[in-house]
Amino acid sequence: MSANAPLRPGGRVTERERSPWRRGRAVAGGVLLLCGALLLPMSLAAAWARAELTETDSYVAAVAPLAQNPAVQNAVVDDVTDGVMAHVRLDGLLEAVPRAERPALRRHFTRGLRQFVATQVRQVVTGRGFPAVWNGVHRTAHRSLDGSLSASGRSAVTLDLTPVVERVKRQLSHNGMGLDLLRRVPRAGVEIVLLKAPDVPRIRAVYRVVRTGALLLPPAAALCLTGGLLLARQRRRALICTGLGCAAAAALLAAALSLVRGRALDALPAVVSRPAAGAYADALAGPLLTGVWLIAGAGTLTAALAAAGPPAARTLRARRLARAAAGP
């Protein structure tokens, strides 16, 4: 306070002197609360992305239930069957057949073999031992992804379904099937490309941003919200606005996630199963959506309690005073 500031008779600063400070404090508190409300859902998204990209156990736990999902099982059966049939050669079987009859007979044999292979693969995919194979396949794929993003190379990331083929081979041998079909499939011949080599640098840049954001955004959101509430002149109104702001930001994030999910599924190649891809997206984004709606609910509840709290307290106090005045 300056030495020549106008004073009231009691030595207090005049209202004109205090009003700029109050306005500046209110503006600063409002800005901090707005930033905190926006950063809170963003920090949750960054922490979720960091966990999915860097924590193998978290990723495997998220996709483990998909081993029992019918859409995912159908996609695995189709992918493994396609990988096996790509190595099937019927030329030796058709040598004794007239050349004109070979195309029709080839289609007939191919259809029958595909049905046979698909049946064997489906028995493996729906069997009790498949969840362990499923978790092992995704654990290996995620470690490969983490290694590719942490290093400086450009190697592609794939989902190797060959363990499923190996189980089909063992099943055929245990059943006494003499068919030598699956022995021709190479050890690494059935793979799904998750991340192409040219896309690795771009995803690596996103990965680094996500790791940094997951470390910085949560404390920044907490500091902004705390500082804004401390600077607010009217705490009750600040709590109401902050709760509603956090709820609105969380709802916007949920809407953005839904939009991104739809756009990503529409952009997939025709060979990719839409139901299986949707199941993957829902499994991975499930914890994030749960956290987003928890923020929205907590923000709404905070606003409601702040709006109803003081009047309810005054009403209760008034009732107690009335009872005390009325006497026994």
C-alpha atoms as a PDB file:
ATOM      1  CA  MET A   1       0.000   0.000   0.000  1.00  0.00           C
ATOM      2  CA  SER A   2       1.430   3.394  -0.948  1.00  0.00           C
ATOM      3  CA  ALA A   3       2.030   6.046   1.663  1.00  0.00           C
ATOM      4  CA  ASN A   4      -0.314   8.547   0.023  1.00  0.00           C
ATOM      5  CA  ALA A   5      -3.244   6.127  -0.501  1.00  0.00           C
ATOM      6  CA  PRO A   6      -6.539   7.671   0.593  1.00  0.00           C
ATOM      7  CA  LEU A   7      -7.623   6.392   3.996  1.00  0.00           C
ATOM      8  CA  ARG A   8     -10.913   6.228   5.789  1.00  0.00           C
ATOM      9  CA  PRO A   9     -11.147   7.605   9.333  1.00  0.00           C
ATOM     10  CA  GLY A  10     -10.467   4.118  10.714  1.00  0.00           C
ATOM     11  CA  GLY A  11      -7.219   3.787   8.682  1.00  0.00           C
ATOM     12  CA  ARG A  12      -8.653   1.405   6.080  1.00  0.00           C
ATOM     13  CA  VAL A  13      -8.044   1.633   2.349  1.00  0.00           C
ATOM     14  CA  THR A  14     -10.952   3.122   0.406  1.00  0.00           C
ATOM     15  CA  GLU A  15     -13.134   0.980  -1.861  1.00  0.00           C
ATOM     16  CA  ARG A  16     -11.740   2.761  -4.945  1.00  0.00           C
ATOM     17  CA  GLU A  17      -8.201   1.693  -3.959  1.00  0.00           C
ATOM     18  CA  ARG A  18      -9.169  -1.925  -3.361  1.00  0.00           C
ATOM     19  CA  SER A  19     -11.357  -2.483  -6.420  1.00  0.00           C
ATOM     20  CA  PRO A  20      -8.518  -2.938  -8.994  1.00  0.00           C
ATOM     21  CA  TRP A  21      -6.879  -5.562  -6.794  1.00  0.00           C
ATOM     22  CA  ARG A  22     -10.172  -7.367  -6.359  1.00  0.00           C
ATOM     23  CA  ARG A  23     -10.872  -7.325 -10.062  1.00  0.00           C
ATOM     24  CA  GLY A  24      -7.382  -8.614 -10.861  1.00  0.00           C
ATOM     25  CA  ARG A  25      -7.678 -11.336  -8.261  1.00  0.00           C
ATOM     26  CA  ALA A  26     -11.063 -12.411  -9.589  1.00  0.00           C
ATOM     27  CA  VAL A  27      -9.817 -12.495 -13.173  1.00  0.00           C
ATOM     28  CA  ALA A  28      -6.716 -14.480 -12.233  1.00  0.00           C
ATOM     29  CA  GLY A  29      -8.786 -16.949 -10.221  1.00  0.00           C
ATOM     30  CA  GLY A  30     -11.254 -17.374 -13.067  1.00  0.00           C
ATOM     31  CA  VAL A  31      -8.485 -17.992 -15.589  1.00  0.00           C
ATOM     32  CA  LEU A  32      -6.837 -20.568 -13.337  1.00  0.00           C
ATOM     33  CA  LEU A  33     -10.113 -22.369 -12.735  1.00  0.00           C
ATOM     34  CA  LEU A  34     -10.861 -22.452 -16.460  1.00  0.00           C
ATOM     35  CA  CYS A  35      -7.404 -23.836 -17.218  1.00  0.00           C
ATOM     36  CA  GLY A  36      -7.749 -26.431 -14.479  1.00  0.00           C
ATOM     37  CA  ALA A  37     -11.164 -27.541 -15.733  1.00  0.00           C
ATOM     38  CA  LEU A  38      -9.756 -28.006 -19.231  1.00  0.00           C
ATOM     39  CA  LEU A  39      -6.520 -29.674 -18.116  1.00  0.00           C
ATOM     40  CA  LEU A  40      -8.176 -32.225 -15.831  1.00  0.00           C
ATOM     41  CA  PRO A  41      -9.735 -34.405 -18.608  1.00  0.00           C
ATOM     42  CA  MET A  42      -6.648 -33.885 -20.765  1.00  0.00           C
ATOM     43  CA  SER A  43      -4.392 -35.121 -17.980  1.00  0.00           C
ATOM     44  CA  LEU A  44      -6.589 -38.187 -17.591  1.00  0.00           C
ATOM     45  CA  ALA A  45      -6.338 -38.913 -21.333  1.00  0.00           C
ATOM     46  CA  ALA A  46      -2.566 -38.465 -21.286  1.00  0.00           C
ATOM     47  CA  ALA A  47      -2.162 -40.776 -18.285  1.00  0.00           C
ATOM     48  CA  TRP A  48      -4.361 -43.397 -19.971  1.00  0.00           C
ATOM     49  CA  ALA A  49      -2.400 -43.202 -23.237  1.00  0.00           C
ATOM     50  CA  ARG A  50       0.901 -43.475 -21.390  1.00  0.00           C
ATOM     51  CA  ALA A  51      -0.305 -46.551 -19.511  1.00  0.00           C
ATOM     52  CA  GLU A  52      -1.539 -48.245 -22.688  1.00  0.00           C
ATOM     53  CA  LEU A  53       1.678 -47.494 -24.585  1.00  0.00           C
ATOM     54  CA  THR A  54       4.268 -48.211 -21.905  1.00  0.00           C
ATOM     55  CA  GLU A  55       2.744 -50.681 -19.425  1.00  0.00           C
ATOM     56  CA  THR A  56       2.538 -54.141 -20.965  1.00  0.00           C
ATOM     57  CA  ASP A  57       0.617 -55.655 -18.057  1.00  0.00           C
ATOM     58  CA  SER A  58      -2.023 -52.937 -18.272  1.00  0.00           C
ATOM     59  CA  TYR A  59      -2.428 -53.452 -22.001  1.00  0.00           C
ATOM     60  CA  VAL A  60      -2.669 -57.239 -21.709  1.00  0.00           C
ATOM     61  CA  ALA A  61      -5.251 -56.918 -18.927  1.00  0.00           C
ATOM     62  CA  ALA A  62      -7.315 -54.606 -21.144  1.00  0.00           C
ATOM     63  CA  VAL A  63      -7.372 -56.939 -24.156  1.00  0.00           C
ATOM     64  CA  ALA A  64      -7.594 -60.227 -22.225  1.00  0.00           C
ATOM     65  CA  PRO A  65     -11.442 -60.345 -22.229  1.00  0.00           C
ATOM     66  CA  LEU A  66     -11.421 -60.105 -26.016  1.00  0.00           C
ATOM     67  CA  ALA A  67     -10.331 -63.739 -26.205  1.00  0.00           C
ATOM     68  CA  GLN A  68     -13.974 -64.623 -25.447  1.00  0.00           C
ATOM     69  CA  ASN A  69     -15.476 -62.017 -27.790  1.00  0.00           C
ATOM     70  CA  PRO A  70     -17.263 -63.696 -30.740  1.00  0.00           C
ATOM     71  CA  ALA A  71     -16.387 -60.914 -33.195  1.00  0.00           C
ATOM     72  CA  VAL A  72     -12.696 -61.125 -32.284  1.00  0.00           C
ATOM     73  CA  GLN A  73     -12.754 -64.913 -32.445  1.00  0.00           C
ATOM     74  CA  ASN A  74     -14.262 -64.775 -35.932  1.00  0.00           C
ATOM     75  CA  ALA A  75     -11.579 -62.317 -37.033  1.00  0.00           C
ATOM     76  CA  VAL A  76      -8.803 -64.535 -35.663  1.00  0.00           C
ATOM     77  CA  VAL A  77     -10.264 -67.575 -37.418  1.00  0.00           C
ATOM     78  CA  ASP A  78     -10.421 -65.678 -40.713  1.00  0.00           C
ATOM     79  CA  ASP A  79      -6.896 -64.258 -40.380  1.00  0.00           C
ATOM     80  CA  VAL A  80      -5.301 -67.575 -39.434  1.00  0.00           C
ATOM     81  CA  THR A  81      -7.224 -69.436 -42.136  1.00  0.00           C
ATOM     82  CA  ASP A  82      -6.149 -66.872 -44.742  1.00  0.00           C
ATOM     83  CA  GLY A  83      -2.546 -67.184 -43.591  1.00  0.00           C
ATOM     84  CA  VAL A  84      -2.642 -70.953 -43.845  1.00  0.00           C
ATOM     85  CA  MET A  85      -4.414 -71.052 -47.200  1.00  0.00           C
ATOM     86  CA  ALA A  86      -1.830 -68.685 -48.667  1.00  0.00           C
ATOM     87  CA  HIS A  87       0.683 -71.566 -48.452  1.00  0.00           C
ATOM     88  CA  VAL A  88      -1.578 -74.289 -49.837  1.00  0.00           C
ATOM     89  CA  ARG A  89      -0.532 -75.633 -53.234  1.00  0.00           C
ATOM     90  CA  LEU A  90      -2.805 -78.070 -55.085  1.00  0.00           C
ATOM     91  CA  ASP A  91      -0.781 -78.383 -58.273  1.00  0.00           C
ATOM     92  CA  GLY A  92       0.490 -81.850 -57.376  1.00  0.00           C
ATOM     93  CA  LEU A  93      -3.011 -83.112 -56.700  1.00  0.00           C
ATOM     94  CA  LEU A  94      -4.335 -81.869 -60.023  1.00  0.00           C
ATOM     95  CA  GLU A  95      -1.655 -83.233 -62.311  1.00  0.00           C
ATOM     96  CA  ALA A  96      -3.712 -86.306 -63.214  1.00  0.00           C
ATOM     97  CA  VAL A  97      -6.824 -84.196 -63.941  1.00  0.00           C
ATOM     98  CA  PRO A  98      -7.485 -82.915 -67.478  1.00  0.00           C
ATOM     99  CA  ARG A  99      -6.431 -79.283 -67.858  1.00  0.00           C
ATOM    100  CA  ALA A 100      -9.961 -78.113 -68.720  1.00  0.00           C
ATOM    101  CA  GLU A 101     -11.357 -79.540 -65.472  1.00  0.00           C
ATOM    102  CA  ARG A 102      -8.638 -78.166 -63.206  1.00  0.00           C
ATOM    103  CA  PRO A 103     -10.128 -74.708 -62.453  1.00  0.00           C
ATOM    104  CA  ALA A 104     -13.445 -76.092 -61.231  1.00  0.00           C
ATOM    105  CA  LEU A 105     -11.764 -78.873 -59.280  1.00  0.00           C
ATOM    106  CA  ARG A 106      -9.265 -76.406 -57.764  1.00  0.00           C
ATOM    107  CA  ARG A 107     -12.095 -74.202 -56.508  1.00  0.00           C
ATOM    108  CA  HIS A 108     -13.861 -77.250 -55.081  1.00  0.00           C
ATOM    109  CA  PHE A 109     -10.758 -78.509 -53.285  1.00  0.00           C
ATOM    110  CA  THR A 110      -9.836 -75.042 -52.072  1.00  0.00           C
ATOM    111  CA  ARG A 111     -13.315 -74.483 -50.630  1.00  0.00           C
ATOM    112  CA  GLY A 112     -13.269 -77.822 -48.870  1.00  0.00           C
ATOM    113  CA  LEU A 113      -9.762 -77.317 -47.457  1.00  0.00           C
ATOM    114  CA  ARG A 114     -10.634 -73.823 -46.270  1.00  0.00           C
ATOM    115  CA  GLN A 115     -13.677 -75.116 -44.419  1.00  0.00           C
ATOM    116  CA  PHE A 116     -11.564 -77.851 -42.868  1.00  0.00           C
ATOM    117  CA  VAL A 117      -8.824 -75.453 -41.756  1.00  0.00           C
ATOM    118  CA  ALA A 118     -11.367 -72.927 -40.449  1.00  0.00           C
ATOM    119  CA  THR A 119     -13.057 -75.646 -38.404  1.00  0.00           C
ATOM    120  CA  GLN A 120      -9.759 -76.699 -36.835  1.00  0.00           C
ATOM    121  CA  VAL A 121      -8.780 -73.111 -36.094  1.00  0.00           C
ATOM    122  CA  ARG A 122     -12.180 -72.354 -34.553  1.00  0.00           C
ATOM    123  CA  GLN A 123     -11.849 -75.330 -32.232  1.00  0.00           C
ATOM    124  CA  VAL A 124      -8.563 -73.899 -31.005  1.00  0.00           C
ATOM    125  CA  VAL A 125      -9.865 -70.323 -30.727  1.00  0.00           C
ATOM    126  CA  THR A 126     -12.921 -71.370 -28.731  1.00  0.00           C
ATOM    127  CA  GLY A 127     -10.985 -73.831 -26.571  1.00  0.00           C
ATOM    128  CA  ARG A 128     -10.048 -73.377 -22.932  1.00  0.00           C
ATOM    129  CA  GLY A 129      -6.361 -72.879 -23.654  1.00  0.00           C
ATOM    130  CA  PHE A 130      -6.826 -70.016 -26.100  1.00  0.00           C
ATOM    131  CA  PRO A 131      -6.908 -67.143 -23.528  1.00  0.00           C
ATOM    132  CA  ALA A 132      -3.342 -68.000 -22.464  1.00  0.00           C
ATOM    133  CA  VAL A 133      -2.200 -68.015 -26.099  1.00  0.00           C
ATOM    134  CA  TRP A 134      -4.056 -64.750 -26.694  1.00  0.00           C
ATOM    135  CA  ASN A 135      -2.383 -63.032 -23.748  1.00  0.00           C
ATOM    136  CA  GLY A 136       1.048 -64.297 -24.814  1.00  0.00           C
ATOM    137  CA  VAL A 137       0.588 -63.053 -28.369  1.00  0.00           C
ATOM    138  CA  HIS A 138      -0.411 -59.571 -27.207  1.00  0.00           C
ATOM    139  CA  ARG A 139       2.320 -59.415 -24.572  1.00  0.00           C
ATOM    140  CA  THR A 140       4.923 -60.089 -27.267  1.00  0.00           C
ATOM    141  CA  ALA A 141       3.331 -57.551 -29.627  1.00  0.00           C
ATOM    142  CA  HIS A 142       3.203 -54.838 -26.957  1.00  0.00           C
ATOM    143  CA  ARG A 143       6.830 -55.348 -25.991  1.00  0.00           C
ATOM    144  CA  SER A 144       7.727 -55.020 -29.654  1.00  0.00           C
ATOM    145  CA  LEU A 145       5.679 -51.804 -29.840  1.00  0.00           C
ATOM    146  CA  ASP A 146       7.323 -50.384 -26.726  1.00  0.00           C
ATOM    147  CA  GLY A 147      10.754 -51.259 -28.078  1.00  0.00           C
ATOM    148  CA  SER A 148      10.031 -49.669 -31.453  1.00  0.00           C
ATOM    149  CA  LEU A 149       8.767 -46.439 -29.895  1.00  0.00           C
ATOM    150  CA  SER A 150      11.568 -46.201 -27.348  1.00  0.00           C
ATOM    151  CA  ALA A 151      14.379 -46.917 -29.836  1.00  0.00           C
ATOM    152  CA  SER A 152      15.284 -45.086 -33.014  1.00  0.00           C
ATOM    153  CA  GLY A 153      14.591 -47.791 -35.578  1.00  0.00           C
ATOM    154  CA  ARG A 154      11.795 -48.142 -38.104  1.00  0.00           C
ATOM    155  CA  SER A 155      10.855 -51.804 -37.745  1.00  0.00           C
ATOM    156  CA  ALA A 156       7.191 -52.683 -38.174  1.00  0.00           C
ATOM    157  CA  VAL A 157       5.096 -53.930 -35.252  1.00  0.00           C
ATOM    158  CA  THR A 158       3.129 -57.117 -35.913  1.00  0.00           C
ATOM    159  CA  LEU A 159       0.731 -59.415 -34.119  1.00  0.00           C
ATOM    160  CA  ASP A 160       2.118 -62.899 -34.662  1.00  0.00           C
ATOM    161  CA  LEU A 161      -0.699 -65.463 -34.762  1.00  0.00           C
ATOM    162  CA  THR A 162       1.635 -68.366 -35.436  1.00  0.00           C
ATOM    163  CA  PRO A 163       1.099 -69.787 -31.889  1.00  0.00           C
ATOM    164  CA  VAL A 164      -2.508 -70.399 -32.905  1.00  0.00           C
ATOM    165  CA  VAL A 165      -1.274 -72.333 -35.964  1.00  0.00           C
ATOM    166  CA  GLU A 166       1.012 -74.374 -33.732  1.00  0.00           C
ATOM    167  CA  ARG A 167      -1.936 -75.334 -31.557  1.00  0.00           C
ATOM    168  CA  VAL A 168      -3.896 -76.347 -34.654  1.00  0.00           C
ATOM    169  CA  LYS A 169      -0.963 -78.542 -35.706  1.00  0.00           C
ATOM    170  CA  ARG A 170      -0.895 -80.244 -32.320  1.00  0.00           C
ATOM    171  CA  GLN A 171      -4.637 -80.750 -32.441  1.00  0.00           C
ATOM    172  CA  LEU A 172      -4.374 -82.426 -35.848  1.00  0.00           C
ATOM    173  CA  SER A 173      -1.575 -84.686 -34.630  1.00  0.00           C
ATOM    174  CA  HIS A 174      -3.553 -85.645 -31.519  1.00  0.00           C
ATOM    175  CA  ASN A 175      -6.601 -86.395 -33.646  1.00  0.00           C
ATOM    176  CA  GLY A 176      -4.569 -88.696 -35.866  1.00  0.00           C
ATOM    177  CA  MET A 177      -5.117 -86.566 -38.975  1.00  0.00           C
ATOM    178  CA  GLY A 178      -2.654 -87.495 -41.686  1.00  0.00           C
ATOM    179  CA  LEU A 179      -3.000 -84.216 -43.566  1.00  0.00           C
ATOM    180  CA  ASP A 180       0.376 -82.565 -44.147  1.00  0.00           C
ATOM    181  CA  LEU A 181      -1.175 -79.179 -44.868  1.00  0.00           C
ATOM    182  CA  LEU A 182      -0.124 -77.042 -41.900  1.00  0.00           C
ATOM    183  CA  ARG A 183       3.483 -78.222 -41.921  1.00  0.00           C
ATOM    184  CA  ARG A 184       4.069 -76.055 -44.966  1.00  0.00           C
ATOM    185  CA  VAL A 185       3.207 -72.866 -43.117  1.00  0.00           C
ATOM    186  CA  PRO A 186       6.384 -70.938 -42.145  1.00  0.00           C
ATOM    187  CA  ARG A 187       7.119 -70.268 -38.509  1.00  0.00           C
ATOM    188  CA  ALA A 188       6.422 -66.527 -38.902  1.00  0.00           C
ATOM    189  CA  GLY A 189       3.958 -66.854 -41.742  1.00  0.00           C
ATOM    190  CA  VAL A 190       0.733 -65.693 -40.042  1.00  0.00           C
ATOM    191  CA  GLU A 191       1.070 -62.105 -38.870  1.00  0.00           C
ATOM    192  CA  ILE A 192      -1.092 -58.991 -38.679  1.00  0.00           C
ATOM    193  CA  VAL A 193       0.701 -55.680 -39.165  1.00  0.00           C
ATOM    194  CA  LEU A 194      -0.250 -53.319 -36.339  1.00  0.00           C
ATOM    195  CA  LEU A 195       2.151 -50.508 -37.180  1.00  0.00           C
ATOM    196  CA  LYS A 196       3.839 -50.133 -40.542  1.00  0.00           C
ATOM    197  CA  ALA A 197       7.518 -49.186 -40.635  1.00  0.00           C
ATOM    198  CA  PRO A 198       6.974 -45.753 -42.326  1.00  0.00           C
ATOM    199  CA  ASP A 199       4.497 -44.796 -39.576  1.00  0.00           C
ATOM    200  CA  VAL A 200       6.879 -45.544 -36.699  1.00  0.00           C
ATOM    201  CA  PRO A 201       8.604 -42.086 -36.561  1.00  0.00           C
ATOM    202  CA  ARG A 202       5.273 -40.256 -36.474  1.00  0.00           C
ATOM    203  CA  ILE A 203       3.867 -42.496 -33.755  1.00  0.00           C
ATOM    204  CA  ARG A 204       7.144 -42.170 -31.843  1.00  0.00           C
ATOM    205  CA  ALA A 205       6.729 -38.377 -31.793  1.00  0.00           C
ATOM    206  CA  VAL A 206       3.184 -38.763 -30.437  1.00  0.00           C
ATOM    207  CA  TYR A 207       4.504 -41.255 -27.909  1.00  0.00           C
ATOM    208  CA  ARG A 208       7.033 -38.749 -26.568  1.00  0.00           C
ATOM    209  CA  VAL A 209       4.421 -35.999 -26.320  1.00  0.00           C
ATOM    210  CA  VAL A 210       2.106 -38.350 -24.444  1.00  0.00           C
ATOM    211  CA  ARG A 211       4.812 -39.352 -21.971  1.00  0.00           C
ATOM    212  CA  THR A 212       5.649 -35.717 -21.265  1.00  0.00           C
ATOM    213  CA  GLY A 213       1.993 -34.739 -20.981  1.00  0.00           C
ATOM    214  CA  ALA A 214       1.244 -37.574 -18.570  1.00  0.00           C
ATOM    215  CA  LEU A 215       3.942 -36.228 -16.244  1.00  0.00           C
ATOM    216  CA  LEU A 216       3.133 -32.513 -16.485  1.00  0.00           C
ATOM    217  CA  LEU A 217      -0.624 -32.215 -17.017  1.00  0.00           C
ATOM    218  CA  PRO A 218      -1.946 -33.776 -13.750  1.00  0.00           C
ATOM    219  CA  PRO A 219       0.081 -31.537 -11.397  1.00  0.00           C
ATOM    220  CA  ALA A 220      -0.648 -28.526 -13.620  1.00  0.00           C
ATOM    221  CA  ALA A 221      -4.392 -29.218 -13.407  1.00  0.00           C
ATOM    222  CA  ALA A 222      -4.208 -29.631  -9.613  1.00  0.00           C
ATOM    223  CA  LEU A 223      -2.229 -26.393  -9.193  1.00  0.00           C
ATOM    224  CA  CYS A 224      -4.591 -24.430 -11.415  1.00  0.00           C
ATOM    225  CA  LEU A 225      -7.690 -25.644  -9.593  1.00  0.00           C
ATOM    226  CA  THR A 226      -6.180 -25.069  -6.160  1.00  0.00           C
ATOM    227  CA  GLY A 227      -4.830 -21.638  -7.050  1.00  0.00           C
ATOM    228  CA  GLY A 228      -8.105 -20.586  -8.647  1.00  0.00           C
ATOM    229  CA  LEU A 229     -10.127 -21.577  -5.597  1.00  0.00           C
ATOM    230  CA  LEU A 230      -7.723 -19.763  -3.272  1.00  0.00           C
ATOM    231  CA  LEU A 231      -7.923 -16.570  -5.327  1.00  0.00           C
ATOM    232  CA  ALA A 232     -11.700 -16.688  -5.728  1.00  0.00           C
ATOM    233  CA  ARG A 233     -13.584 -14.112  -3.702  1.00  0.00           C
ATOM    234  CA  GLN A 234     -16.794 -16.119  -3.655  1.00  0.00           C
ATOM    235  CA  ARG A 235     -15.786 -19.718  -3.035  1.00  0.00           C
ATOM    236  CA  ARG A 236     -19.277 -21.108  -3.358  1.00  0.00           C
ATOM    237  CA  ARG A 237     -19.774 -19.631  -6.805  1.00  0.00           C
ATOM    238  CA  ALA A 238     -16.254 -20.698  -7.776  1.00  0.00           C
ATOM    239  CA  LEU A 239     -16.984 -24.290  -6.761  1.00  0.00           C
ATOM    240  CA  ILE A 240     -20.197 -24.292  -8.767  1.00  0.00           C
ATOM    241  CA  CYS A 241     -18.490 -22.933 -11.876  1.00  0.00           C
ATOM    242  CA  THR A 242     -15.510 -25.249 -11.474  1.00  0.00           C
ATOM    243  CA  GLY A 243     -17.674 -28.335 -11.046  1.00  0.00           C
ATOM    244  CA  LEU A 244     -19.792 -27.490 -14.061  1.00  0.00           C
ATOM    245  CA  GLY A 245     -16.687 -26.620 -16.087  1.00  0.00           C
ATOM    246  CA  CYS A 246     -15.011 -29.946 -15.313  1.00  0.00           C
ATOM    247  CA  ALA A 247     -18.221 -31.809 -16.153  1.00  0.00           C
ATOM    248  CA  ALA A 248     -18.573 -29.947 -19.444  1.00  0.00           C
ATOM    249  CA  ALA A 249     -14.931 -30.549 -20.393  1.00  0.00           C
ATOM    250  CA  ALA A 250     -15.282 -34.254 -19.591  1.00  0.00           C
ATOM    251  CA  ALA A 251     -18.452 -34.467 -21.695  1.00  0.00           C
ATOM    252  CA  LEU A 252     -16.665 -32.798 -24.607  1.00  0.00           C
ATOM    253  CA  LEU A 253     -13.811 -35.284 -24.309  1.00  0.00           C
ATOM    254  CA  ALA A 254     -16.282 -38.189 -24.331  1.00  0.00           C
ATOM    255  CA  ALA A 255     -17.929 -36.774 -27.463  1.00  0.00           C
ATOM    256  CA  ALA A 256     -14.517 -36.337 -29.109  1.00  0.00           C
ATOM    257  CA  LEU A 257     -13.577 -39.930 -28.297  1.00  0.00           C
ATOM    258  CA  SER A 258     -16.814 -41.179 -29.829  1.00  0.00           C
ATOM    259  CA  LEU A 259     -16.153 -39.126 -32.968  1.00  0.00           C
ATOM    260  CA  VAL A 260     -12.559 -40.347 -33.262  1.00  0.00           C
ATOM    261  CA  ARG A 261     -13.697 -43.949 -32.794  1.00  0.00           C
ATOM    262  CA  GLY A 262     -16.194 -43.657 -35.619  1.00  0.00           C
ATOM    263  CA  ARG A 263     -13.741 -41.943 -37.960  1.00  0.00           C
ATOM    264  CA  ALA A 264     -11.006 -44.502 -37.206  1.00  0.00           C
ATOM    265  CA  LEU A 265     -13.310 -47.455 -37.890  1.00  0.00           C
ATOM    266  CA  ASP A 266     -14.495 -45.898 -41.139  1.00  0.00           C
ATOM    267  CA  ALA A 267     -10.894 -45.427 -42.273  1.00  0.00           C
ATOM    268  CA  LEU A 268      -9.935 -49.087 -41.793  1.00  0.00           C
ATOM    269  CA  PRO A 269      -9.251 -51.211 -44.871  1.00  0.00           C
ATOM    270  CA  ALA A 270     -12.065 -53.418 -46.099  1.00  0.00           C
ATOM    271  CA  VAL A 271     -10.189 -56.563 -45.058  1.00  0.00           C
ATOM    272  CA  VAL A 272     -10.285 -55.558 -41.379  1.00  0.00           C
ATOM    273  CA  SER A 273     -13.290 -56.741 -39.402  1.00  0.00           C
ATOM    274  CA  ARG A 274     -15.271 -53.731 -38.174  1.00  0.00           C
ATOM    275  CA  PRO A 275     -16.885 -55.577 -35.222  1.00  0.00           C
ATOM    276  CA  ALA A 276     -13.494 -56.865 -34.055  1.00  0.00           C
ATOM    277  CA  ALA A 277     -11.877 -53.441 -34.420  1.00  0.00           C
ATOM    278  CA  GLY A 278     -14.764 -51.876 -32.500  1.00  0.00           C
ATOM    279  CA  ALA A 279     -14.342 -54.421 -29.723  1.00  0.00           C
ATOM    280  CA  TYR A 280     -10.635 -53.594 -29.541  1.00  0.00           C
ATOM    281  CA  ALA A 281     -11.356 -49.869 -29.378  1.00  0.00           C
ATOM    282  CA  ASP A 282     -13.951 -50.308 -26.650  1.00  0.00           C
ATOM    283  CA  ALA A 283     -11.672 -52.555 -24.600  1.00  0.00           C
ATOM    284  CA  LEU A 284      -8.729 -50.168 -24.769  1.00  0.00           C
ATOM    285  CA  ALA A 285     -10.739 -46.978 -24.276  1.00  0.00           C
ATOM    286  CA  GLY A 286     -12.990 -48.442 -21.575  1.00  0.00           C
ATOM    287  CA  PRO A 287     -10.878 -47.261 -18.595  1.00  0.00           C
ATOM    288  CA  LEU A 288     -10.536 -43.802 -20.139  1.00  0.00           C
ATOM    289  CA  LEU A 289     -14.286 -43.446 -20.682  1.00  0.00           C
ATOM    290  CA  THR A 290     -14.921 -44.630 -17.139  1.00  0.00           C
ATOM    291  CA  GLY A 291     -12.562 -41.985 -15.797  1.00  0.00           C
ATOM    292  CA  VAL A 292     -14.106 -39.309 -18.018  1.00  0.00           C
ATOM    293  CA  TRP A 293     -17.611 -40.031 -16.779  1.00  0.00           C
ATOM    294  CA  LEU A 294     -16.351 -40.146 -13.188  1.00  0.00           C
ATOM    295  CA  ILE A 295     -14.961 -36.633 -13.661  1.00  0.00           C
ATOM    296  CA  ALA A 296     -18.268 -35.505 -15.159  1.00  0.00           C
ATOM    297  CA  GLY A 297     -20.209 -37.029 -12.277  1.00  0.00           C
ATOM    298  CA  ALA A 298     -17.874 -35.657  -9.624  1.00  0.00           C
ATOM    299  CA  GLY A 299     -18.003 -32.196 -11.186  1.00  0.00           C
ATOM    300  CA  THR A 300     -21.792 -32.219 -11.326  1.00  0.00           C
ATOM    301  CA  LEU A 301     -22.039 -33.469  -7.736  1.00  0.00           C
ATOM    302  CA  THR A 302     -19.603 -30.807  -6.533  1.00  0.00           C
ATOM    303  CA  ALA A 303     -21.614 -28.074  -8.247  1.00  0.00           C
ATOM    304  CA  ALA A 304     -24.868 -29.415  -6.801  1.00  0.00           C
ATOM    305  CA  LEU A 305     -23.484 -29.639  -3.261  1.00  0.00           C
ATOM    306  CA  ALA A 306     -21.961 -26.171  -3.484  1.00  0.00           C
ATOM    307  CA  ALA A 307     -25.246 -24.744  -4.728  1.00  0.00           C
ATOM    308  CA  ALA A 308     -27.367 -26.474  -2.097  1.00  0.00           C
ATOM    309  CA  GLY A 309     -24.952 -26.477   0.818  1.00  0.00           C
ATOM    310  CA  PRO A 310     -25.020 -22.951   2.308  1.00  0.00           C
ATOM    311  CA  PRO A 311     -28.804 -22.419   2.003  1.00  0.00           C
ATOM    312  CA  ALA A 312     -29.410 -25.814   3.586  1.00  0.00           C
ATOM    313  CA  ALA A 313     -27.018 -24.974   6.404  1.00  0.00           C
ATOM    314  CA  ARG A 314     -28.744 -21.624   6.992  1.00  0.00           C
ATOM    315  CA  THR A 315     -32.148 -23.318   7.022  1.00  0.00           C
ATOM    316  CA  LEU A 316     -30.973 -25.896   9.551  1.00  0.00           C
ATOM    317  CA  ARG A 317     -29.448 -23.179  11.735  1.00  0.00           C
ATOM    318  CA  ALA A 318     -32.642 -21.162  11.579  1.00  0.00           C
ATOM    319  CA  ARG A 319     -34.678 -24.181  12.658  1.00  0.00           C
ATOM    320  CA  ARG A 320     -32.380 -24.773  15.608  1.00  0.00           C
ATOM    321  CA  LEU A 321     -32.642 -21.126  16.664  1.00  0.00           C
ATOM    322  CA  ALA A 322     -36.401 -21.292  16.372  1.00  0.00           C
ATOM    323  CA  ARG A 323     -36.530 -24.405  18.517  1.00  0.00           C
ATOM    324  CA  ALA A 324     -34.238 -22.787  21.092  1.00  0.00           C
ATOM    325  CA  ALA A 325     -36.397 -19.660  21.161  1.00  0.00           C
ATOM    326  CA  ALA A 326     -39.567 -21.688  21.553  1.00  0.00           C
ATOM    327  CA  GLY A 327     -38.096 -23.403  24.583  1.00  0.00           C
ATOM    328  CA  PRO A 328     -38.843 -26.871  25.916  1.00  0.00           C
END
